[in-house]
Amino acid sequence: MQKNWRTVARAAGIPDDVLNRDSRAGGVTEGSDAGADLEHLRHHASHSSSATTARYSRKTLTKTRAVARLRVAHREGNNGENGG
């Protein structure tokens, strides 16, 4: 499969220093940013361990901002749970 990917990548003009795993990490990150469940992403990436999939999911500004907003809301008692 790796050899096939490289053949297609070269035909598409993708430089040799861009690896198949780079596109896989991008797909996992994009899926995660879109709200996909980690277990679903694990299956999509054909990983045997969710820990591997978590490593592939890059930290993005969108995720960092979302966590920061949740933390502020929680501190202010606006977490939406139990009428908070």
PDB file of N, CA and C in Angstrom:
ATOM      1  N   MET A   1       0.820  -1.187   0.000  1.00  0.00           N
ATOM      2  CA  MET A   1       0.000   0.000   0.000  1.00  0.00           C
ATOM      3  C   MET A   1       0.867   1.253   0.000  1.00  0.00           C
ATOM      4  N   GLN A   2       1.953   1.255   0.764  1.00  0.00           N
ATOM      5  CA  GLN A   2       2.825   2.418   0.825  1.00  0.00           C
ATOM      6  C   GLN A   2       3.412   2.730  -0.548  1.00  0.00           C
ATOM      7  N   LYS A   3       3.816   1.687  -1.274  1.00  0.00           N
ATOM      8  CA  LYS A   3       4.379   1.881  -2.604  1.00  0.00           C
ATOM      9  C   LYS A   3       3.325   2.469  -3.544  1.00  0.00           C
ATOM     10  N   ASN A   4       2.104   1.970  -3.438  1.00  0.00           N
ATOM     11  CA  ASN A   4       1.020   2.507  -4.257  1.00  0.00           C
ATOM     12  C   ASN A   4       0.760   3.972  -3.941  1.00  0.00           C
ATOM     13  N   TRP A   5       0.789   4.306  -2.650  1.00  0.00           N
ATOM     14  CA  TRP A   5       0.548   5.689  -2.248  1.00  0.00           C
ATOM     15  C   TRP A   5       1.612   6.596  -2.842  1.00  0.00           C
ATOM     16  N   ARG A   6       2.856   6.187  -2.768  1.00  0.00           N
ATOM     17  CA  ARG A   6       3.947   7.012  -3.297  1.00  0.00           C
ATOM     18  C   ARG A   6       3.790   7.206  -4.801  1.00  0.00           C
ATOM     19  N   THR A   7       3.392   6.159  -5.522  1.00  0.00           N
ATOM     20  CA  THR A   7       3.192   6.270  -6.965  1.00  0.00           C
ATOM     21  C   THR A   7       2.119   7.307  -7.280  1.00  0.00           C
ATOM     22  N   VAL A   8       1.010   7.218  -6.577  1.00  0.00           N
ATOM     23  CA  VAL A   8      -0.083   8.172  -6.777  1.00  0.00           C
ATOM     24  C   VAL A   8       0.343   9.574  -6.334  1.00  0.00           C
ATOM     25  N   ALA A   9       1.050   9.653  -5.204  1.00  0.00           N
ATOM     26  CA  ALA A   9       1.500  10.949  -4.700  1.00  0.00           C
ATOM     27  C   ALA A   9       2.426  11.639  -5.699  1.00  0.00           C
ATOM     28  N   ARG A  10       3.359  10.898  -6.256  1.00  0.00           N
ATOM     29  CA  ARG A  10       4.266  11.485  -7.255  1.00  0.00           C
ATOM     30  C   ARG A  10       3.495  11.955  -8.477  1.00  0.00           C
ATOM     31  N   ALA A  11       2.533  11.154  -8.919  1.00  0.00           N
ATOM     32  CA  ALA A  11       1.725  11.535 -10.078  1.00  0.00           C
ATOM     33  C   ALA A  11       0.933  12.815  -9.802  1.00  0.00           C
ATOM     34  N   ALA A  12       0.571  13.016  -8.533  1.00  0.00           N
ATOM     35  CA  ALA A  12      -0.191  14.205  -8.138  1.00  0.00           C
ATOM     36  C   ALA A  12       0.717  15.394  -7.827  1.00  0.00           C
ATOM     37  N   GLY A  13       2.045  15.171  -7.902  1.00  0.00           N
ATOM     38  CA  GLY A  13       2.985  16.261  -7.641  1.00  0.00           C
ATOM     39  C   GLY A  13       3.294  16.494  -6.180  1.00  0.00           C
ATOM     40  N   ILE A  14       2.992  15.508  -5.346  1.00  0.00           N
ATOM     41  CA  ILE A  14       3.291  15.629  -3.919  1.00  0.00           C
ATOM     42  C   ILE A  14       4.770  15.320  -3.706  1.00  0.00           C
ATOM     43  N   PRO A  15       5.513  16.226  -3.041  1.00  0.00           N
ATOM     44  CA  PRO A  15       6.950  16.004  -2.839  1.00  0.00           C
ATOM     45  C   PRO A  15       7.233  14.732  -2.043  1.00  0.00           C
ATOM     46  N   ASP A  16       8.407  14.144  -2.288  1.00  0.00           N
ATOM     47  CA  ASP A  16       8.783  12.894  -1.610  1.00  0.00           C
ATOM     48  C   ASP A  16       8.917  13.049  -0.096  1.00  0.00           C
ATOM     49  N   ASP A  17       9.115  14.283   0.393  1.00  0.00           N
ATOM     50  CA  ASP A  17       9.248  14.447   1.844  1.00  0.00           C
ATOM     51  C   ASP A  17       7.892  14.498   2.550  1.00  0.00           C
ATOM     52  N   VAL A  18       6.804  14.484   1.793  1.00  0.00           N
ATOM     53  CA  VAL A  18       5.462  14.373   2.373  1.00  0.00           C
ATOM     54  C   VAL A  18       5.112  12.892   2.393  1.00  0.00           C
ATOM     55  N   LEU A  19       4.830  12.393   3.581  1.00  0.00           N
ATOM     56  CA  LEU A  19       4.581  10.963   3.759  1.00  0.00           C
ATOM     57  C   LEU A  19       3.092  10.660   3.897  1.00  0.00           C
ATOM     58  N   ASN A  20       2.736   9.403   3.657  1.00  0.00           N
ATOM     59  CA  ASN A  20       1.359   8.950   3.801  1.00  0.00           C
ATOM     60  C   ASN A  20       0.836   9.253   5.198  1.00  0.00           C
ATOM     61  N   ARG A  21       1.656   9.072   6.196  1.00  0.00           N
ATOM     62  CA  ARG A  21       1.212   9.316   7.576  1.00  0.00           C
ATOM     63  C   ARG A  21       0.863  10.785   7.798  1.00  0.00           C
ATOM     64  N   ASP A  22       1.470  11.685   7.016  1.00  0.00           N
ATOM     65  CA  ASP A  22       1.119  13.102   7.134  1.00  0.00           C
ATOM     66  C   ASP A  22      -0.337  13.327   6.746  1.00  0.00           C
ATOM     67  N   SER A  23      -0.780  12.694   5.685  1.00  0.00           N
ATOM     68  CA  SER A  23      -2.172  12.846   5.270  1.00  0.00           C
ATOM     69  C   SER A  23      -3.105  12.162   6.264  1.00  0.00           C
ATOM     70  N   ARG A  24      -2.662  11.079   6.847  1.00  0.00           N
ATOM     71  CA  ARG A  24      -3.473  10.370   7.833  1.00  0.00           C
ATOM     72  C   ARG A  24      -3.681  11.244   9.069  1.00  0.00           C
ATOM     73  N   ALA A  25      -2.612  11.875   9.541  1.00  0.00           N
ATOM     74  CA  ALA A  25      -2.724  12.770  10.692  1.00  0.00           C
ATOM     75  C   ALA A  25      -3.641  13.942  10.371  1.00  0.00           C
ATOM     76  N   GLY A  26      -3.546  14.450   9.154  1.00  0.00           N
ATOM     77  CA  GLY A  26      -4.425  15.544   8.747  1.00  0.00           C
ATOM     78  C   GLY A  26      -5.879  15.122   8.754  1.00  0.00           C
ATOM     79  N   GLY A  27      -6.140  13.905   8.291  1.00  0.00           N
ATOM     80  CA  GLY A  27      -7.511  13.400   8.280  1.00  0.00           C
ATOM     81  C   GLY A  27      -8.060  13.204   9.687  1.00  0.00           C
ATOM     82  N   VAL A  28      -7.230  12.660  10.565  1.00  0.00           N
ATOM     83  CA  VAL A  28      -7.663  12.460  11.956  1.00  0.00           C
ATOM     84  C   VAL A  28      -7.913  13.814  12.616  1.00  0.00           C
ATOM     85  N   THR A  29      -7.016  14.769  12.387  1.00  0.00           N
ATOM     86  CA  THR A  29      -7.175  16.104  12.975  1.00  0.00           C
ATOM     87  C   THR A  29      -8.436  16.774  12.450  1.00  0.00           C
ATOM     88  N   GLU A  30      -8.639  16.715  11.143  1.00  0.00           N
ATOM     89  CA  GLU A  30      -9.818  17.342  10.553  1.00  0.00           C
ATOM     90  C   GLU A  30     -11.097  16.694  11.082  1.00  0.00           C
ATOM     91  N   GLY A  31     -11.106  15.385  11.189  1.00  0.00           N
ATOM     92  CA  GLY A  31     -12.264  14.692  11.738  1.00  0.00           C
ATOM     93  C   GLY A  31     -12.522  15.072  13.182  1.00  0.00           C
ATOM     94  N   SER A  32     -11.460  15.162  13.949  1.00  0.00           N
ATOM     95  CA  SER A  32     -11.579  15.548  15.349  1.00  0.00           C
ATOM     96  C   SER A  32     -12.108  16.970  15.477  1.00  0.00           C
ATOM     97  N   ASP A  33     -11.572  17.884  14.653  1.00  0.00           N
ATOM     98  CA  ASP A  33     -12.050  19.268  14.666  1.00  0.00           C
ATOM     99  C   ASP A  33     -13.531  19.350  14.311  1.00  0.00           C
ATOM    100  N   ALA A  34     -13.979  18.430  13.464  1.00  0.00           N
ATOM    101  CA  ALA A  34     -15.378  18.414  13.042  1.00  0.00           C
ATOM    102  C   ALA A  34     -16.289  17.783  14.093  1.00  0.00           C
ATOM    103  N   GLY A  35     -15.692  17.213  15.147  1.00  0.00           N
ATOM    104  CA  GLY A  35     -16.481  16.644  16.231  1.00  0.00           C
ATOM    105  C   GLY A  35     -16.624  15.135  16.204  1.00  0.00           C
ATOM    106  N   ALA A  36     -15.848  14.463  15.337  1.00  0.00           N
ATOM    107  CA  ALA A  36     -15.926  13.003  15.266  1.00  0.00           C
ATOM    108  C   ALA A  36     -15.430  12.365  16.558  1.00  0.00           C
ATOM    109  N   ASP A  37     -16.061  11.292  16.929  1.00  0.00           N
ATOM    110  CA  ASP A  37     -15.696  10.527  18.112  1.00  0.00           C
ATOM    111  C   ASP A  37     -14.330   9.867  17.904  1.00  0.00           C
ATOM    112  N   LEU A  38     -13.491   9.847  18.940  1.00  0.00           N
ATOM    113  CA  LEU A  38     -12.153   9.275  18.839  1.00  0.00           C
ATOM    114  C   LEU A  38     -12.182   7.812  18.402  1.00  0.00           C
ATOM    115  N   GLU A  39     -13.154   7.060  18.890  1.00  0.00           N
ATOM    116  CA  GLU A  39     -13.258   5.649  18.513  1.00  0.00           C
ATOM    117  C   GLU A  39     -13.594   5.499  17.028  1.00  0.00           C
ATOM    118  N   HIS A  40     -14.441   6.370  16.529  1.00  0.00           N
ATOM    119  CA  HIS A  40     -14.754   6.347  15.096  1.00  0.00           C
ATOM    120  C   HIS A  40     -13.514   6.714  14.278  1.00  0.00           C
ATOM    121  N   LEU A  41     -12.778   7.706  14.743  1.00  0.00           N
ATOM    122  CA  LEU A  41     -11.540   8.098  14.068  1.00  0.00           C
ATOM    123  C   LEU A  41     -10.522   6.959  14.089  1.00  0.00           C
ATOM    124  N   ARG A  42     -10.480   6.219  15.199  1.00  0.00           N
ATOM    125  CA  ARG A  42      -9.559   5.086  15.311  1.00  0.00           C
ATOM    126  C   ARG A  42      -9.860   4.064  14.224  1.00  0.00           C
ATOM    127  N   HIS A  43     -11.121   3.748  14.047  1.00  0.00           N
ATOM    128  CA  HIS A  43     -11.510   2.795  12.996  1.00  0.00           C
ATOM    129  C   HIS A  43     -11.185   3.347  11.614  1.00  0.00           C
ATOM    130  N   HIS A  44     -11.466   4.612  11.411  1.00  0.00           N
ATOM    131  CA  HIS A  44     -11.213   5.256  10.122  1.00  0.00           C
ATOM    132  C   HIS A  44      -9.728   5.194   9.758  1.00  0.00           C
ATOM    133  N   ALA A  45      -8.867   5.394  10.753  1.00  0.00           N
ATOM    134  CA  ALA A  45      -7.419   5.394  10.518  1.00  0.00           C
ATOM    135  C   ALA A  45      -6.818   3.989  10.590  1.00  0.00           C
ATOM    136  N   SER A  46      -7.638   2.999  10.907  1.00  0.00           N
ATOM    137  CA  SER A  46      -7.187   1.607  11.060  1.00  0.00           C
ATOM    138  C   SER A  46      -6.125   1.441  12.134  1.00  0.00           C
ATOM    139  N   HIS A  47      -6.275   2.194  13.210  1.00  0.00           N
ATOM    140  CA  HIS A  47      -5.362   2.044  14.348  1.00  0.00           C
ATOM    141  C   HIS A  47      -5.890   0.963  15.285  1.00  0.00           C
ATOM    142  N   SER A  48      -4.996   0.208  15.885  1.00  0.00           N
ATOM    143  CA  SER A  48      -5.431  -0.797  16.847  1.00  0.00           C
ATOM    144  C   SER A  48      -5.632  -0.194  18.234  1.00  0.00           C
ATOM    145  N   SER A  49      -5.049   0.968  18.468  1.00  0.00           N
ATOM    146  CA  SER A  49      -5.132   1.608  19.779  1.00  0.00           C
ATOM    147  C   SER A  49      -5.624   3.050  19.639  1.00  0.00           C
ATOM    148  N   SER A  50      -6.548   3.437  20.512  1.00  0.00           N
ATOM    149  CA  SER A  50      -7.020   4.822  20.487  1.00  0.00           C
ATOM    150  C   SER A  50      -5.925   5.795  20.909  1.00  0.00           C
ATOM    151  N   ALA A  51      -4.929   5.296  21.655  1.00  0.00           N
ATOM    152  CA  ALA A  51      -3.805   6.157  22.037  1.00  0.00           C
ATOM    153  C   ALA A  51      -3.029   6.605  20.798  1.00  0.00           C
ATOM    154  N   THR A  52      -2.896   5.707  19.830  1.00  0.00           N
ATOM    155  CA  THR A  52      -2.229   6.070  18.575  1.00  0.00           C
ATOM    156  C   THR A  52      -3.027   7.133  17.852  1.00  0.00           C
ATOM    157  N   THR A  53      -4.327   6.959  17.780  1.00  0.00           N
ATOM    158  CA  THR A  53      -5.185   7.924  17.099  1.00  0.00           C
ATOM    159  C   THR A  53      -5.103   9.281  17.788  1.00  0.00           C
ATOM    160  N   ALA A  54      -5.084   9.290  19.102  1.00  0.00           N
ATOM    161  CA  ALA A  54      -4.985  10.548  19.846  1.00  0.00           C
ATOM    162  C   ALA A  54      -3.689  11.276  19.510  1.00  0.00           C
ATOM    163  N   ARG A  55      -2.607  10.522  19.318  1.00  0.00           N
ATOM    164  CA  ARG A  55      -1.330  11.154  18.942  1.00  0.00           C
ATOM    165  C   ARG A  55      -1.409  11.760  17.546  1.00  0.00           C
ATOM    166  N   TYR A  56      -2.183  11.157  16.669  1.00  0.00           N
ATOM    167  CA  TYR A  56      -2.320  11.668  15.308  1.00  0.00           C
ATOM    168  C   TYR A  56      -3.150  12.948  15.263  1.00  0.00           C
ATOM    169  N   SER A  57      -4.005  13.135  16.251  1.00  0.00           N
ATOM    170  CA  SER A  57      -4.856  14.319  16.277  1.00  0.00           C
ATOM    171  C   SER A  57      -4.062  15.503  16.794  1.00  0.00           C
ATOM    172  N   ARG A  58      -3.721  16.379  15.880  1.00  0.00           N
ATOM    173  CA  ARG A  58      -2.894  17.542  16.236  1.00  0.00           C
ATOM    174  C   ARG A  58      -3.702  18.542  17.037  1.00  0.00           C
ATOM    175  N   LYS A  59      -2.982  19.248  17.881  1.00  0.00           N
ATOM    176  CA  LYS A  59      -3.624  20.327  18.630  1.00  0.00           C
ATOM    177  C   LYS A  59      -3.857  21.473  17.648  1.00  0.00           C
ATOM    178  N   THR A  60      -5.043  22.025  17.698  1.00  0.00           N
ATOM    179  CA  THR A  60      -5.342  23.147  16.827  1.00  0.00           C
ATOM    180  C   THR A  60      -5.880  24.299  17.653  1.00  0.00           C
ATOM    181  N   LEU A  61      -5.798  25.476  17.088  1.00  0.00           N
ATOM    182  CA  LEU A  61      -6.289  26.661  17.771  1.00  0.00           C
ATOM    183  C   LEU A  61      -7.774  26.540  18.070  1.00  0.00           C
ATOM    184  N   THR A  62      -8.524  25.940  17.165  1.00  0.00           N
ATOM    185  CA  THR A  62      -9.966  25.761  17.373  1.00  0.00           C
ATOM    186  C   THR A  62     -10.228  24.951  18.639  1.00  0.00           C
ATOM    187  N   LYS A  63      -9.486  23.850  18.817  1.00  0.00           N
ATOM    188  CA  LYS A  63      -9.677  23.010  20.004  1.00  0.00           C
ATOM    189  C   LYS A  63      -9.258  23.756  21.263  1.00  0.00           C
ATOM    190  N   THR A  64      -8.139  24.454  21.189  1.00  0.00           N
ATOM    191  CA  THR A  64      -7.642  25.195  22.345  1.00  0.00           C
ATOM    192  C   THR A  64      -8.649  26.254  22.777  1.00  0.00           C
ATOM    193  N   ARG A  65      -9.204  26.968  21.811  1.00  0.00           N
ATOM    194  CA  ARG A  65     -10.201  28.001  22.132  1.00  0.00           C
ATOM    195  C   ARG A  65     -11.455  27.389  22.733  1.00  0.00           C
ATOM    196  N   ALA A  66     -11.892  26.247  22.194  1.00  0.00           N
ATOM    197  CA  ALA A  66     -13.100  25.598  22.709  1.00  0.00           C
ATOM    198  C   ALA A  66     -12.906  25.183  24.161  1.00  0.00           C
ATOM    199  N   VAL A  67     -11.760  24.623  24.481  1.00  0.00           N
ATOM    200  CA  VAL A  67     -11.476  24.222  25.862  1.00  0.00           C
ATOM    201  C   VAL A  67     -11.432  25.454  26.768  1.00  0.00           C
ATOM    202  N   ALA A  68     -10.817  26.517  26.306  1.00  0.00           N
ATOM    203  CA  ALA A  68     -10.746  27.738  27.109  1.00  0.00           C
ATOM    204  C   ALA A  68     -12.145  28.287  27.400  1.00  0.00           C
ATOM    205  N   ARG A  69     -13.023  28.277  26.390  1.00  0.00           N
ATOM    206  CA  ARG A  69     -14.403  28.754  26.602  1.00  0.00           C
ATOM    207  C   ARG A  69     -15.137  27.884  27.610  1.00  0.00           C
ATOM    208  N   LEU A  70     -14.973  26.574  27.512  1.00  0.00           N
ATOM    209  CA  LEU A  70     -15.623  25.666  28.462  1.00  0.00           C
ATOM    210  C   LEU A  70     -15.125  25.888  29.885  1.00  0.00           C
ATOM    211  N   ARG A  71     -13.830  26.115  30.019  1.00  0.00           N
ATOM    212  CA  ARG A  71     -13.267  26.353  31.360  1.00  0.00           C
ATOM    213  C   ARG A  71     -13.824  27.631  31.972  1.00  0.00           C
ATOM    214  N   VAL A  72     -13.907  28.696  31.181  1.00  0.00           N
ATOM    215  CA  VAL A  72     -14.447  29.963  31.685  1.00  0.00           C
ATOM    216  C   VAL A  72     -15.909  29.791  32.065  1.00  0.00           C
ATOM    217  N   ALA A  73     -16.673  29.133  31.189  1.00  0.00           N
ATOM    218  CA  ALA A  73     -18.093  28.915  31.479  1.00  0.00           C
ATOM    219  C   ALA A  73     -18.271  28.105  32.757  1.00  0.00           C
ATOM    220  N   HIS A  74     -17.428  27.108  32.948  1.00  0.00           N
ATOM    221  CA  HIS A  74     -17.518  26.275  34.153  1.00  0.00           C
ATOM    222  C   HIS A  74     -17.219  27.101  35.401  1.00  0.00           C
ATOM    223  N   ARG A  75     -16.192  27.924  35.341  1.00  0.00           N
ATOM    224  CA  ARG A  75     -15.843  28.770  36.495  1.00  0.00           C
ATOM    225  C   ARG A  75     -16.972  29.743  36.825  1.00  0.00           C
ATOM    226  N   GLU A  76     -17.657  30.209  35.788  1.00  0.00           N
ATOM    227  CA  GLU A  76     -18.734  31.172  35.994  1.00  0.00           C
ATOM    228  C   GLU A  76     -20.060  30.497  36.320  1.00  0.00           C
ATOM    229  N   GLY A  77     -20.048  29.162  36.364  1.00  0.00           N
ATOM    230  CA  GLY A  77     -21.269  28.424  36.687  1.00  0.00           C
ATOM    231  C   GLY A  77     -22.237  28.324  35.528  1.00  0.00           C
ATOM    232  N   ASN A  78     -21.725  28.486  34.313  1.00  0.00           N
ATOM    233  CA  ASN A  78     -22.582  28.456  33.112  1.00  0.00           C
ATOM    234  C   ASN A  78     -22.315  27.211  32.294  1.00  0.00           C
ATOM    235  N   ASN A  79     -22.100  26.090  32.944  1.00  0.00           N
ATOM    236  CA  ASN A  79     -21.775  24.874  32.198  1.00  0.00           C
ATOM    237  C   ASN A  79     -23.002  24.154  31.672  1.00  0.00           C
ATOM    238  N   GLY A  80     -24.189  24.671  31.930  1.00  0.00           N
ATOM    239  CA  GLY A  80     -25.403  24.107  31.364  1.00  0.00           C
ATOM    240  C   GLY A  80     -25.916  22.862  32.062  1.00  0.00           C
ATOM    241  N   GLU A  81     -25.253  22.414  33.094  1.00  0.00           N
ATOM    242  CA  GLU A  81     -25.694  21.217  33.806  1.00  0.00           C
ATOM    243  C   GLU A  81     -26.486  21.612  35.038  1.00  0.00           C
ATOM    244  N   ASN A  82     -27.566  20.898  35.298  1.00  0.00           N
ATOM    245  CA  ASN A  82     -28.394  21.108  36.484  1.00  0.00           C
ATOM    246  C   ASN A  82     -28.838  22.557  36.611  1.00  0.00           C
ATOM    247  N   GLY A  83     -29.135  23.181  35.488  1.00  0.00           N
ATOM    248  CA  GLY A  83     -29.639  24.544  35.530  1.00  0.00           C
ATOM    249  C   GLY A  83     -28.583  25.559  35.836  1.00  0.00           C
ATOM    250  N   GLY A  84     -27.256  25.184  35.843  1.00  0.00           N
ATOM    251  CA  GLY A  84     -26.142  26.033  36.214  1.00  0.00           C
ATOM    252  C   GLY A  84     -25.972  27.165  35.358  1.00  0.00           C
TER     253      GLY A  84
END
